[in-house]
Amino acid sequence: MSTQRYNRYEKARIIGARALQIAHGAPVLIETDQTQPILIAAEEYDAGVLPFTVNRGQHT
């Protein structure tokens, strides 16, 4: 993960999207004992290994 900080809504969106990927069979990026996709995704987020970015463009 880059040095960009995410607000709580962005963090929830990133973790939720990653949990959905894991639930559909995506490989897990870290070693973990967790079995629930949401918990695995949260651990991956905390480890900083998720390749997600947030585009904070202007809304019209």
C-alpha atoms as a PDB file:
ATOM      1  CA  MET A   1       0.000   0.000   0.000  1.00  0.00           C
ATOM      2  CA  SER A   2       1.247   3.496  -0.748  1.00  0.00           C
ATOM      3  CA  THR A   3       1.727   6.256   1.785  1.00  0.00           C
ATOM      4  CA  GLN A   4      -1.785   7.524   1.002  1.00  0.00           C
ATOM      5  CA  ARG A   5      -4.084   7.429   4.018  1.00  0.00           C
ATOM      6  CA  TYR A   6      -7.636   6.263   3.558  1.00  0.00           C
ATOM      7  CA  ASN A   7     -10.695   7.479   5.438  1.00  0.00           C
ATOM      8  CA  ARG A   8     -13.023   4.961   7.072  1.00  0.00           C
ATOM      9  CA  TYR A   9     -15.331   4.750   4.054  1.00  0.00           C
ATOM     10  CA  GLU A  10     -12.478   4.096   1.659  1.00  0.00           C
ATOM     11  CA  LYS A  11     -11.023   1.514   4.037  1.00  0.00           C
ATOM     12  CA  ALA A  12     -14.387  -0.255   4.292  1.00  0.00           C
ATOM     13  CA  ARG A  13     -14.751  -0.266   0.502  1.00  0.00           C
ATOM     14  CA  ILE A  14     -11.239  -1.646  -0.034  1.00  0.00           C
ATOM     15  CA  ILE A  15     -11.640  -4.396   2.566  1.00  0.00           C
ATOM     16  CA  GLY A  16     -15.115  -5.284   1.288  1.00  0.00           C
ATOM     17  CA  ALA A  17     -13.947  -5.503  -2.312  1.00  0.00           C
ATOM     18  CA  ARG A  18     -10.980  -7.661  -1.325  1.00  0.00           C
ATOM     19  CA  ALA A  19     -13.167  -9.939   0.821  1.00  0.00           C
ATOM     20  CA  LEU A  20     -15.428 -10.498  -2.180  1.00  0.00           C
ATOM     21  CA  GLN A  21     -12.413 -11.430  -4.296  1.00  0.00           C
ATOM     22  CA  ILE A  22     -11.231 -13.904  -1.650  1.00  0.00           C
ATOM     23  CA  ALA A  23     -14.734 -15.388  -1.334  1.00  0.00           C
ATOM     24  CA  HIS A  24     -14.689 -16.037  -5.086  1.00  0.00           C
ATOM     25  CA  GLY A  25     -11.387 -17.874  -4.947  1.00  0.00           C
ATOM     26  CA  ALA A  26      -8.674 -15.220  -5.279  1.00  0.00           C
ATOM     27  CA  PRO A  27      -5.350 -16.231  -3.725  1.00  0.00           C
ATOM     28  CA  VAL A  28      -4.635 -14.938  -0.230  1.00  0.00           C
ATOM     29  CA  LEU A  29      -1.637 -12.566  -0.156  1.00  0.00           C
ATOM     30  CA  ILE A  30      -0.486 -13.274   3.411  1.00  0.00           C
ATOM     31  CA  GLU A  31      -0.020 -16.197   5.769  1.00  0.00           C
ATOM     32  CA  THR A  32      -3.002 -16.300   8.123  1.00  0.00           C
ATOM     33  CA  ASP A  33      -5.002 -18.649  10.304  1.00  0.00           C
ATOM     34  CA  GLN A  34      -8.241 -16.824   9.492  1.00  0.00           C
ATOM     35  CA  THR A  35     -10.919 -18.568   7.420  1.00  0.00           C
ATOM     36  CA  GLN A  36     -13.483 -15.789   6.931  1.00  0.00           C
ATOM     37  CA  PRO A  37     -12.827 -13.648   3.841  1.00  0.00           C
ATOM     38  CA  ILE A  38     -13.560 -10.359   5.637  1.00  0.00           C
ATOM     39  CA  LEU A  39     -11.025 -11.135   8.370  1.00  0.00           C
ATOM     40  CA  ILE A  40      -8.416 -12.210   5.834  1.00  0.00           C
ATOM     41  CA  ALA A  41      -8.997  -8.999   3.866  1.00  0.00           C
ATOM     42  CA  ALA A  42      -8.649  -6.908   7.035  1.00  0.00           C
ATOM     43  CA  GLU A  43      -5.340  -8.610   7.847  1.00  0.00           C
ATOM     44  CA  GLU A  44      -4.112  -7.999   4.308  1.00  0.00           C
ATOM     45  CA  TYR A  45      -5.087  -4.338   4.603  1.00  0.00           C
ATOM     46  CA  ASP A  46      -3.249  -3.997   7.913  1.00  0.00           C
ATOM     47  CA  ALA A  47      -0.188  -5.683   6.387  1.00  0.00           C
ATOM     48  CA  GLY A  48      -0.209  -3.163   3.543  1.00  0.00           C
ATOM     49  CA  VAL A  49      -0.164  -5.735   0.752  1.00  0.00           C
ATOM     50  CA  LEU A  50      -3.336  -4.802  -1.103  1.00  0.00           C
ATOM     51  CA  PRO A  51      -2.831  -3.385  -4.601  1.00  0.00           C
ATOM     52  CA  PHE A  52      -5.805  -1.012  -4.398  1.00  0.00           C
ATOM     53  CA  THR A  53      -5.801   2.712  -5.055  1.00  0.00           C
ATOM     54  CA  VAL A  54      -8.528   5.274  -4.486  1.00  0.00           C
ATOM     55  CA  ASN A  55      -9.236   7.900  -7.103  1.00  0.00           C
ATOM     56  CA  ARG A  56     -10.459  11.031  -5.354  1.00  0.00           C
ATOM     57  CA  GLY A  57     -11.686  12.814  -8.446  1.00  0.00           C
ATOM     58  CA  GLN A  58     -14.019  15.766  -8.500  1.00  0.00           C
ATOM     59  CA  HIS A  59     -17.736  15.091  -8.314  1.00  0.00           C
ATOM     60  CA  THR A  60     -20.063  17.008 -10.574  1.00  0.00           C
END
